[in-house]
Amino acid sequence: KGLVAKIKFEAPIEGFLKDINGKYKLRVTELTLAPGGHVGEHNHVGPGIRQVTSGHMTYVLPKETIVYGPGDFFFESGDINHTVFNRTDQPMVHILFEILPVDLKGPSLIPVKHHQ
């Protein structure tokens, strides 16, 4: 709810790491979460670094909740369920730097399906 995502950069990984060349890509995405917005429980296709550039993110993990502010960054392995909230009256912007399979089209987000 209230999320806008803009891919800012995407390129295949090439260089001295021969084992991963052409198999993965680096994607940089800017995410803006409106005041009161949230992203439901999810994980990601690949790992990456996240950095909050403005506003505050409430980041809910299975065993803890962390609030990140402007300039804060953190690492996501991709395989841990989490939920994101903007519990403020200002937009929250953060940047995702992700390593993804080179052929992935569309979002890296994987919604969590709960078994009942």
Protein backbone atom coordinates (compact mmCIF):
# COMPACT_ATOMS: atom_id res chain seq x y z
CA LYS A 1 0.00 0.00 0.00
CA GLY A 2 1.43 3.37 -1.03
CA LEU A 3 4.60 2.01 -2.72
CA VAL A 4 6.19 3.41 -5.87
CA ALA A 5 9.26 1.62 -7.29
CA LYS A 6 11.58 3.03 -9.98
CA ILE A 7 14.47 1.00 -11.38
CA LYS A 8 17.36 3.45 -11.68
CA PHE A 9 20.11 1.11 -12.96
CA GLU A 10 20.45 -2.48 -14.11
CA ALA A 11 23.43 -4.26 -15.70
CA PRO A 12 24.87 -7.79 -15.96
CA ILE A 13 27.78 -8.49 -13.63
CA GLU A 14 31.08 -8.76 -15.52
CA GLY A 15 34.68 -8.70 -14.33
CA PHE A 16 37.18 -10.76 -12.40
CA LEU A 17 34.56 -12.98 -10.70
CA LYS A 18 34.39 -15.36 -13.66
CA ASP A 19 32.03 -17.83 -11.92
CA ILE A 20 29.19 -15.29 -11.78
CA ASN A 21 29.78 -13.31 -14.98
CA GLY A 22 26.68 -13.23 -17.14
CA LYS A 23 24.60 -15.17 -14.57
CA TYR A 24 23.66 -12.26 -12.30
CA LYS A 25 22.94 -8.56 -12.57
CA LEU A 26 23.12 -5.56 -10.30
CA ARG A 27 19.85 -3.64 -9.98
CA VAL A 28 19.39 -0.34 -8.18
CA THR A 29 15.78 0.57 -7.37
CA GLU A 30 14.42 3.65 -5.64
CA LEU A 31 11.37 2.91 -3.50
CA THR A 32 9.07 5.60 -2.12
CA LEU A 33 6.58 4.59 0.56
CA ALA A 34 3.76 7.07 1.24
CA PRO A 35 2.93 8.22 4.78
CA GLY A 36 1.05 5.40 6.51
CA GLY A 37 2.01 2.98 3.73
CA HIS A 38 3.32 -0.55 4.11
CA VAL A 39 4.71 -3.50 2.19
CA GLY A 40 3.22 -6.79 3.38
CA GLU A 41 5.31 -9.72 4.55
CA HIS A 42 7.76 -10.72 1.83
CA ASN A 43 11.29 -11.72 0.91
CA HIS A 44 13.43 -11.22 -2.20
CA VAL A 45 14.86 -13.26 -5.08
CA GLY A 46 18.42 -12.17 -4.21
CA PRO A 47 20.53 -10.42 -1.57
CA GLY A 48 21.38 -6.76 -1.37
CA ILE A 49 22.09 -3.61 0.54
CA ARG A 50 19.32 -1.14 1.40
CA GLN A 51 19.80 2.53 2.29
CA VAL A 52 17.18 4.91 3.62
CA THR A 53 17.66 8.32 1.98
CA SER A 54 14.75 10.20 3.57
CA GLY A 55 12.07 9.56 6.14
CA HIS A 56 11.93 6.61 8.53
CA MET A 57 11.35 2.91 7.84
CA THR A 58 9.93 0.53 10.42
CA TYR A 59 11.43 -2.83 9.45
CA VAL A 60 9.71 -5.81 11.07
CA LEU A 61 11.61 -9.11 11.18
CA PRO A 62 10.48 -12.38 12.79
CA LYS A 63 12.37 -11.67 16.04
CA GLU A 64 12.87 -7.89 16.12
CA THR A 65 11.69 -4.52 14.80
CA ILE A 66 14.20 -1.87 13.71
CA VAL A 67 13.58 1.75 12.74
CA TYR A 68 15.97 3.07 10.07
CA GLY A 69 16.41 6.77 9.25
CA PRO A 70 18.17 8.88 6.63
CA GLY A 71 21.67 7.58 5.88
CA ASP A 72 21.12 4.20 7.55
CA PHE A 73 21.87 1.13 5.50
CA PHE A 74 21.52 -2.60 6.09
CA PHE A 75 21.98 -5.94 4.34
CA GLU A 76 19.19 -8.31 3.36
CA SER A 77 20.00 -11.90 2.49
CA GLY A 78 16.68 -12.14 0.65
CA ASP A 79 15.43 -15.27 2.39
CA ILE A 80 14.17 -13.79 5.69
CA ASN A 81 10.51 -12.76 5.85
CA HIS A 82 10.00 -9.09 6.69
CA THR A 83 7.41 -6.32 6.55
CA VAL A 84 8.06 -2.59 5.99
CA PHE A 85 5.98 0.30 7.34
CA ASN A 86 6.11 4.06 7.04
CA ARG A 87 4.54 5.08 10.33
CA THR A 88 5.19 8.78 9.80
CA ASP A 89 3.46 11.68 8.06
CA GLN A 90 6.30 12.10 5.53
CA PRO A 91 7.27 9.96 2.51
CA MET A 92 10.04 7.42 3.15
CA VAL A 93 12.55 6.81 0.36
CA HIS A 94 15.07 4.00 0.26
CA ILE A 95 17.39 2.54 -2.35
CA LEU A 96 17.78 -1.20 -3.01
CA PHE A 97 21.11 -2.44 -4.40
CA GLU A 98 20.36 -6.04 -5.38
CA ILE A 99 22.16 -8.98 -6.97
CA LEU A 100 19.59 -10.85 -9.07
CA PRO A 101 19.49 -13.57 -11.72
CA VAL A 102 20.34 -11.92 -15.05
CA ASP A 103 17.09 -13.07 -16.67
CA LEU A 104 14.75 -11.77 -13.91
CA LYS A 105 12.09 -9.44 -15.25
CA GLY A 106 9.91 -7.40 -12.90
CA PRO A 107 10.12 -7.03 -9.13
CA SER A 108 12.44 -9.03 -6.88
CA LEU A 109 9.80 -9.12 -4.12
CA ILE A 110 8.27 -12.51 -3.27
CA PRO A 111 5.06 -12.28 -1.17
CA VAL A 112 4.93 -14.76 1.72
CA LYS A 113 2.17 -17.34 1.49
CA HIS A 114 1.13 -18.59 4.89
CA HIS A 115 -0.04 -22.17 5.31
CA GLN A 116 -3.11 -22.72 7.43
